[in-house]
Amino acid sequence: DTAAALRGMEMNVDIVLKATKVDGVYTDDPKTHPDAMRYQRISFDEAIVKKLKVMDATALTLCRDQKLPICVFSIFKSGALTKVVMGEDEGTLVYA
């Protein structure tokens, strides 16, 4: 995660797209807690305080400090990447 954050900063990108096994950032692990709720948007500070597993702490802090948003979405959900690129409600946006 840290390498991806650093690469994004080097390339001066507008956003980091993080494809994962789940379709966003949740209040808890959705595999073990079926009642977990997906965040549509969450600030870096809130994600850090709540110790949500968006990325490793170093990467999350680097992105926060550089105001580099992260979009977390499922790699397995058909059409998810297209929706993210088109700005549709897909995954979770982590922002400064």
C-alpha atoms as a PDB file:
ATOM      1  CA  ASP A   1       0.000   0.000   0.000  1.00  0.00           C
ATOM      2  CA  THR A   2       2.770   2.444   0.859  1.00  0.00           C
ATOM      3  CA  ALA A   3       4.475   1.822  -2.490  1.00  0.00           C
ATOM      4  CA  ALA A   4       1.201   2.533  -4.328  1.00  0.00           C
ATOM      5  CA  ALA A   5       0.708   5.762  -2.381  1.00  0.00           C
ATOM      6  CA  LEU A   6       4.264   6.891  -3.100  1.00  0.00           C
ATOM      7  CA  ARG A   7       3.927   6.000  -6.790  1.00  0.00           C
ATOM      8  CA  GLY A   8       0.690   7.980  -6.989  1.00  0.00           C
ATOM      9  CA  MET A   9       2.406  11.016  -5.484  1.00  0.00           C
ATOM     10  CA  GLU A  10       5.370  10.679  -7.852  1.00  0.00           C
ATOM     11  CA  MET A  11       3.023  10.533 -10.822  1.00  0.00           C
ATOM     12  CA  ASN A  12       0.995  13.486  -9.522  1.00  0.00           C
ATOM     13  CA  VAL A  13      -2.294  11.569  -9.886  1.00  0.00           C
ATOM     14  CA  ASP A  14      -5.636  12.989  -8.772  1.00  0.00           C
ATOM     15  CA  ILE A  15      -6.803   9.837  -6.972  1.00  0.00           C
ATOM     16  CA  VAL A  16      -5.595   6.373  -5.944  1.00  0.00           C
ATOM     17  CA  LEU A  17      -7.895   3.531  -7.024  1.00  0.00           C
ATOM     18  CA  LYS A  18      -7.638   0.570  -4.669  1.00  0.00           C
ATOM     19  CA  ALA A  19      -9.316  -2.608  -5.921  1.00  0.00           C
ATOM     20  CA  THR A  20      -9.953  -5.083  -3.101  1.00  0.00           C
ATOM     21  CA  LYS A  21     -11.965  -8.171  -2.161  1.00  0.00           C
ATOM     22  CA  VAL A  22     -14.745  -6.033  -0.673  1.00  0.00           C
ATOM     23  CA  ASP A  23     -16.738  -3.249  -2.310  1.00  0.00           C
ATOM     24  CA  GLY A  24     -15.587  -0.430  -0.051  1.00  0.00           C
ATOM     25  CA  VAL A  25     -14.716   0.521   3.501  1.00  0.00           C
ATOM     26  CA  TYR A  26     -17.055  -0.816   6.180  1.00  0.00           C
ATOM     27  CA  THR A  27     -17.805  -0.083   9.815  1.00  0.00           C
ATOM     28  CA  ASP A  28     -16.526  -3.612  10.549  1.00  0.00           C
ATOM     29  CA  ASP A  29     -15.408  -6.682   8.608  1.00  0.00           C
ATOM     30  CA  PRO A  30     -18.450  -7.544   6.445  1.00  0.00           C
ATOM     31  CA  LYS A  31     -17.382 -11.193   6.234  1.00  0.00           C
ATOM     32  CA  THR A  32     -17.630 -11.717   9.978  1.00  0.00           C
ATOM     33  CA  HIS A  33     -20.214  -9.003  10.747  1.00  0.00           C
ATOM     34  CA  PRO A  34     -23.082  -9.151   8.227  1.00  0.00           C
ATOM     35  CA  ASP A  35     -24.619  -6.017   9.767  1.00  0.00           C
ATOM     36  CA  ALA A  36     -21.534  -3.914   8.894  1.00  0.00           C
ATOM     37  CA  MET A  37     -22.374  -0.786   6.931  1.00  0.00           C
ATOM     38  CA  ARG A  38     -20.426   0.500   3.930  1.00  0.00           C
ATOM     39  CA  TYR A  39     -19.232   4.085   4.022  1.00  0.00           C
ATOM     40  CA  GLN A  40     -19.956   5.981   0.822  1.00  0.00           C
ATOM     41  CA  ARG A  41     -17.422   8.630   1.879  1.00  0.00           C
ATOM     42  CA  ILE A  42     -15.137   8.894   4.899  1.00  0.00           C
ATOM     43  CA  SER A  43     -12.383  11.323   5.843  1.00  0.00           C
ATOM     44  CA  PHE A  44      -8.815  10.149   6.372  1.00  0.00           C
ATOM     45  CA  ASP A  45      -8.945  11.343   9.972  1.00  0.00           C
ATOM     46  CA  GLU A  46     -12.132   9.412  10.706  1.00  0.00           C
ATOM     47  CA  ALA A  47     -10.710   6.253   9.102  1.00  0.00           C
ATOM     48  CA  ILE A  48      -7.534   6.599  11.175  1.00  0.00           C
ATOM     49  CA  VAL A  49      -9.375   7.273  14.460  1.00  0.00           C
ATOM     50  CA  LYS A  50     -11.744   4.348  13.875  1.00  0.00           C
ATOM     51  CA  LYS A  51      -8.768   2.146  12.864  1.00  0.00           C
ATOM     52  CA  LEU A  52     -10.507   1.074   9.672  1.00  0.00           C
ATOM     53  CA  LYS A  53      -8.378  -1.115   7.444  1.00  0.00           C
ATOM     54  CA  VAL A  54      -8.295   1.023   4.324  1.00  0.00           C
ATOM     55  CA  MET A  55      -4.547   0.677   3.775  1.00  0.00           C
ATOM     56  CA  ASP A  56      -1.555   0.354   6.040  1.00  0.00           C
ATOM     57  CA  ALA A  57      -1.185   3.297   8.430  1.00  0.00           C
ATOM     58  CA  THR A  58       1.841   4.768   6.619  1.00  0.00           C
ATOM     59  CA  ALA A  59       0.096   4.807   3.242  1.00  0.00           C
ATOM     60  CA  LEU A  60      -3.083   6.257   4.720  1.00  0.00           C
ATOM     61  CA  THR A  61      -1.152   9.028   6.470  1.00  0.00           C
ATOM     62  CA  LEU A  62       0.883   9.812   3.331  1.00  0.00           C
ATOM     63  CA  CYS A  63      -2.271  10.134   1.237  1.00  0.00           C
ATOM     64  CA  ARG A  64      -3.936  12.270   3.905  1.00  0.00           C
ATOM     65  CA  ASP A  65      -0.953  14.609   4.186  1.00  0.00           C
ATOM     66  CA  GLN A  66      -0.781  14.976   0.391  1.00  0.00           C
ATOM     67  CA  LYS A  67      -4.584  15.359   0.119  1.00  0.00           C
ATOM     68  CA  LEU A  68      -4.588  12.424  -2.304  1.00  0.00           C
ATOM     69  CA  PRO A  69      -8.026  10.751  -2.159  1.00  0.00           C
ATOM     70  CA  ILE A  70      -8.453   6.991  -2.340  1.00  0.00           C
ATOM     71  CA  CYS A  71     -11.360   5.111  -3.875  1.00  0.00           C
ATOM     72  CA  VAL A  72     -11.730   1.585  -2.475  1.00  0.00           C
ATOM     73  CA  PHE A  73     -13.852  -0.775  -4.589  1.00  0.00           C
ATOM     74  CA  SER A  74     -14.263  -4.461  -5.410  1.00  0.00           C
ATOM     75  CA  ILE A  75     -12.084  -5.991  -8.099  1.00  0.00           C
ATOM     76  CA  PHE A  76     -14.595  -8.851  -8.372  1.00  0.00           C
ATOM     77  CA  LYS A  77     -17.753  -6.783  -8.978  1.00  0.00           C
ATOM     78  CA  SER A  78     -18.544  -6.596 -12.668  1.00  0.00           C
ATOM     79  CA  GLY A  79     -18.555  -3.007 -13.941  1.00  0.00           C
ATOM     80  CA  ALA A  80     -17.195  -1.532 -10.690  1.00  0.00           C
ATOM     81  CA  LEU A  81     -14.088   0.029 -12.243  1.00  0.00           C
ATOM     82  CA  THR A  82     -16.163   1.651 -14.973  1.00  0.00           C
ATOM     83  CA  LYS A  83     -18.520   3.105 -12.371  1.00  0.00           C
ATOM     84  CA  VAL A  84     -15.607   4.452 -10.327  1.00  0.00           C
ATOM     85  CA  VAL A  85     -14.009   6.078 -13.385  1.00  0.00           C
ATOM     86  CA  MET A  86     -17.375   7.566 -14.407  1.00  0.00           C
ATOM     87  CA  GLY A  87     -17.817   9.072 -10.929  1.00  0.00           C
ATOM     88  CA  GLU A  88     -20.804   6.925 -10.007  1.00  0.00           C
ATOM     89  CA  ASP A  89     -21.573   5.739  -6.466  1.00  0.00           C
ATOM     90  CA  GLU A  90     -19.276   2.734  -6.248  1.00  0.00           C
ATOM     91  CA  GLY A  91     -17.041   1.757  -3.356  1.00  0.00           C
ATOM     92  CA  THR A  92     -15.860   4.243  -0.747  1.00  0.00           C
ATOM     93  CA  LEU A  93     -14.130   7.572  -1.242  1.00  0.00           C
ATOM     94  CA  VAL A  94     -11.545   8.352   1.441  1.00  0.00           C
ATOM     95  CA  TYR A  95     -10.763  12.058   1.339  1.00  0.00           C
ATOM     96  CA  ALA A  96      -8.867  14.862   3.107  1.00  0.00           C
END
